[in-house]
Amino acid sequence: MTRYTRTAIALHWLMALAVIGLLGVGTWMTGLKPSPTKIEVYTWHKWIGLTVLLLVLVRVLWRLRHAPPPLPAGTPAWQRRAAAASHGLLYALLFAMPLTGWLQNSAAGFPLSWFGLFKVPPLVGRDKESFAFWQGTHEVLAWLLAALILVHIAAALKHHLIDRDEVLRRMLPARRRRGDFE
């Protein structure tokens, strides 16, 4: 079985945890009443979102130099095209989500830093209409990303449980076999 590189696997699962967490927290935090806790949750959401933006850039650069393993030989052409299109859309959304969040924050006029280590410059000036646009865009993209993640998971499970091929296993962290430590 040809597997993804260890770096690709680590980036995939790190980003998966971060993005799913951000989607859940993002949905929850919008309903919080104004409080110090709400400000703290929003701050962490922004910090992790900026980290995802950095990770997706690293991941795209890695992918440009390290081709993914090929799909199984019997994979129909339509599934190959669907996989390529859905992966392309995932990368686009993984880039667009933190970028629209950054634009939203900029239009709101809030200061932004990365884990308090350094200031992140605004991308646009403070503007209520621009804020509303980027807020709405960020929300719509979040729902699209959540739907695409569900499709991605369903496809991986279909390959694993129905097709019984190696598509899912090649992205799972390597498991140690008996005798590895003997």
Protein backbone atom coordinates (compact mmCIF):
# COMPACT_ATOMS: atom_id res chain seq x y z
CA MET A 1 0.00 0.00 0.00
CA THR A 2 1.29 3.43 -0.95
CA ARG A 3 0.70 5.85 1.91
CA TYR A 4 0.72 9.61 2.27
CA THR A 5 3.92 11.02 3.77
CA ARG A 6 4.11 11.38 7.55
CA THR A 7 4.07 15.16 7.12
CA ALA A 8 0.92 15.04 4.98
CA ILE A 9 -0.78 12.74 7.50
CA ALA A 10 0.19 14.97 10.44
CA LEU A 11 -1.02 18.10 8.64
CA HIS A 12 -4.28 16.40 7.63
CA TRP A 13 -5.22 15.28 11.14
CA LEU A 14 -4.00 18.45 12.87
CA MET A 15 -6.04 20.56 10.47
CA ALA A 16 -9.04 18.23 10.73
CA LEU A 17 -9.11 18.62 14.53
CA ALA A 18 -8.61 22.39 14.32
CA VAL A 19 -11.21 22.98 11.61
CA ILE A 20 -13.90 20.77 13.13
CA GLY A 21 -13.23 22.43 16.49
CA LEU A 22 -13.42 25.90 14.92
CA LEU A 23 -16.70 25.07 13.18
CA GLY A 24 -18.23 23.83 16.44
CA VAL A 25 -16.92 26.68 18.56
CA GLY A 26 -17.82 29.20 15.85
CA THR A 27 -21.42 28.05 15.88
CA TRP A 28 -21.59 28.04 19.68
CA MET A 29 -19.81 31.34 20.34
CA THR A 30 -22.16 33.48 18.25
CA GLY A 31 -24.90 32.79 20.79
CA LEU A 32 -22.87 33.85 23.82
CA LYS A 33 -23.96 36.93 25.72
CA PRO A 34 -21.44 39.80 25.87
CA SER A 35 -18.90 38.89 28.57
CA PRO A 36 -15.18 38.45 29.15
CA THR A 37 -15.65 34.76 28.33
CA LYS A 38 -17.12 35.63 24.92
CA ILE A 39 -14.15 37.89 24.16
CA GLU A 40 -11.74 35.14 25.19
CA VAL A 41 -13.51 32.51 23.07
CA TYR A 42 -13.51 34.84 20.03
CA THR A 43 -9.82 35.57 20.60
CA TRP A 44 -8.92 31.88 20.66
CA HIS A 45 -11.12 31.29 17.58
CA LYS A 46 -9.16 33.97 15.71
CA TRP A 47 -5.79 32.64 16.87
CA ILE A 48 -6.61 29.08 15.79
CA GLY A 49 -8.13 30.37 12.53
CA LEU A 50 -4.91 32.23 11.68
CA THR A 51 -2.99 29.06 12.51
CA VAL A 52 -5.18 27.10 10.07
CA LEU A 53 -4.41 29.71 7.40
CA LEU A 54 -0.69 29.14 7.97
CA LEU A 55 -1.13 25.35 8.01
CA VAL A 56 -3.11 25.32 4.76
CA LEU A 57 -0.34 27.32 3.08
CA VAL A 58 2.23 24.81 4.36
CA ARG A 59 0.03 21.94 3.26
CA VAL A 60 -0.45 23.30 -0.26
CA LEU A 61 3.31 23.87 -0.62
CA TRP A 62 3.94 20.34 0.66
CA ARG A 63 1.40 18.88 -1.74
CA LEU A 64 2.97 20.69 -4.71
CA ARG A 65 6.22 18.85 -4.03
CA HIS A 66 4.76 15.51 -2.84
CA ALA A 67 2.06 13.96 -5.01
CA PRO A 68 -0.65 12.02 -3.18
CA PRO A 69 -0.68 8.26 -3.61
CA PRO A 70 -2.75 7.14 -6.59
CA LEU A 71 -6.29 5.92 -6.14
CA PRO A 72 -6.82 2.16 -6.54
CA ALA A 73 -6.58 0.97 -10.15
CA GLY A 74 -10.28 0.10 -10.45
CA THR A 75 -11.56 3.50 -9.29
CA PRO A 76 -14.09 4.78 -11.86
CA ALA A 77 -13.18 7.97 -13.74
CA TRP A 78 -16.14 9.89 -12.26
CA GLN A 79 -14.90 9.11 -8.73
CA ARG A 80 -11.39 10.28 -9.67
CA ARG A 81 -12.84 13.56 -10.97
CA ALA A 82 -15.08 13.93 -7.90
CA ALA A 83 -12.13 13.31 -5.57
CA ALA A 84 -9.97 15.87 -7.38
CA ALA A 85 -12.77 18.46 -7.41
CA SER A 86 -13.70 17.94 -3.76
CA HIS A 87 -10.06 18.13 -2.63
CA GLY A 88 -9.59 21.32 -4.64
CA LEU A 89 -12.72 22.80 -3.07
CA LEU A 90 -11.57 21.72 0.42
CA TYR A 91 -8.26 23.53 -0.05
CA ALA A 92 -10.05 26.63 -1.36
CA LEU A 93 -12.45 26.68 1.60
CA LEU A 94 -9.66 26.00 4.10
CA PHE A 95 -7.93 29.09 2.73
CA ALA A 96 -11.08 31.23 2.36
CA MET A 97 -12.46 30.59 5.86
CA PRO A 98 -9.61 32.17 7.85
CA LEU A 99 -9.17 34.86 5.22
CA THR A 100 -12.84 35.93 5.44
CA GLY A 101 -12.60 35.82 9.23
CA TRP A 102 -9.57 38.11 9.05
CA LEU A 103 -11.43 40.43 6.66
CA GLN A 104 -14.46 40.44 8.99
CA ASN A 105 -12.29 41.26 11.99
CA SER A 106 -10.52 44.02 10.03
CA ALA A 107 -13.82 45.59 8.91
CA ALA A 108 -15.04 45.49 12.54
CA GLY A 109 -12.00 47.52 13.54
CA PHE A 110 -10.85 45.05 16.20
CA PRO A 111 -7.12 44.67 16.83
CA LEU A 112 -5.80 41.27 15.88
CA SER A 113 -2.75 39.40 17.06
CA TRP A 114 -1.47 35.87 16.77
CA PHE A 115 -1.45 34.29 20.25
CA GLY A 116 -0.51 37.72 21.60
CA LEU A 117 2.96 37.34 20.07
CA PHE A 118 2.65 39.93 17.32
CA LYS A 119 0.03 42.17 15.75
CA VAL A 120 -1.62 41.10 12.53
CA PRO A 121 -2.34 44.02 10.19
CA PRO A 122 -5.91 44.73 9.08
CA LEU A 123 -6.73 43.78 5.49
CA VAL A 124 -9.43 46.46 5.06
CA GLY A 125 -10.46 49.59 6.89
CA ARG A 126 -13.23 49.73 9.45
CA ASP A 127 -16.58 49.71 7.66
CA LYS A 128 -20.02 48.44 8.80
CA GLU A 129 -21.17 47.35 5.34
CA SER A 130 -17.93 45.54 4.66
CA PHE A 131 -18.16 43.89 8.09
CA ALA A 132 -21.68 42.64 7.36
CA PHE A 133 -20.58 41.30 3.96
CA TRP A 134 -17.56 39.43 5.34
CA GLN A 135 -19.53 38.16 8.33
CA GLY A 136 -22.19 36.71 6.03
CA THR A 137 -19.57 35.28 3.68
CA HIS A 138 -17.70 33.67 6.57
CA GLU A 139 -20.90 32.06 7.81
CA VAL A 140 -21.96 30.72 4.39
CA LEU A 141 -18.47 29.33 3.78
CA ALA A 142 -18.55 27.67 7.22
CA TRP A 143 -21.73 25.79 6.30
CA LEU A 144 -20.28 24.82 2.90
CA LEU A 145 -17.09 23.60 4.56
CA ALA A 146 -19.04 21.60 7.14
CA ALA A 147 -21.08 19.95 4.37
CA LEU A 148 -17.98 19.17 2.33
CA ILE A 149 -16.26 17.68 5.38
CA LEU A 150 -19.26 15.37 5.86
CA VAL A 151 -19.05 14.32 2.19
CA HIS A 152 -15.29 13.76 2.61
CA ILE A 153 -15.85 11.56 5.67
CA ALA A 154 -18.67 9.67 3.95
CA ALA A 155 -16.48 8.99 0.91
CA ALA A 156 -13.61 7.75 3.10
CA LEU A 157 -15.98 5.44 5.00
CA LYS A 158 -17.52 4.19 1.74
CA HIS A 159 -14.06 3.25 0.49
CA HIS A 160 -13.24 1.54 3.77
CA LEU A 161 -16.52 -0.25 4.56
CA ILE A 162 -18.05 -0.92 1.14
CA ASP A 163 -15.21 -0.93 -1.39
CA ARG A 164 -12.81 -2.39 1.21
CA ASP A 165 -9.85 -0.68 -0.42
CA GLU A 166 -6.84 1.14 1.04
CA VAL A 167 -8.01 4.74 0.42
CA LEU A 168 -8.71 5.50 4.10
CA ARG A 169 -5.83 3.47 5.54
CA ARG A 170 -3.22 5.39 3.55
CA MET A 171 -4.15 8.58 5.48
CA LEU A 172 -4.30 6.95 8.91
CA PRO A 173 -1.29 7.21 11.20
CA ALA A 174 0.89 4.10 10.90
CA ARG A 175 0.16 1.48 13.51
CA ARG A 176 2.91 -0.48 15.13
CA ARG A 177 2.79 -4.20 14.48
CA ARG A 178 3.50 -6.94 16.99
CA GLY A 179 7.21 -7.56 17.23
CA ASP A 180 8.20 -3.95 16.51
CA PHE A 181 9.64 -3.68 20.02
CA GLU A 182 10.89 -7.20 20.52
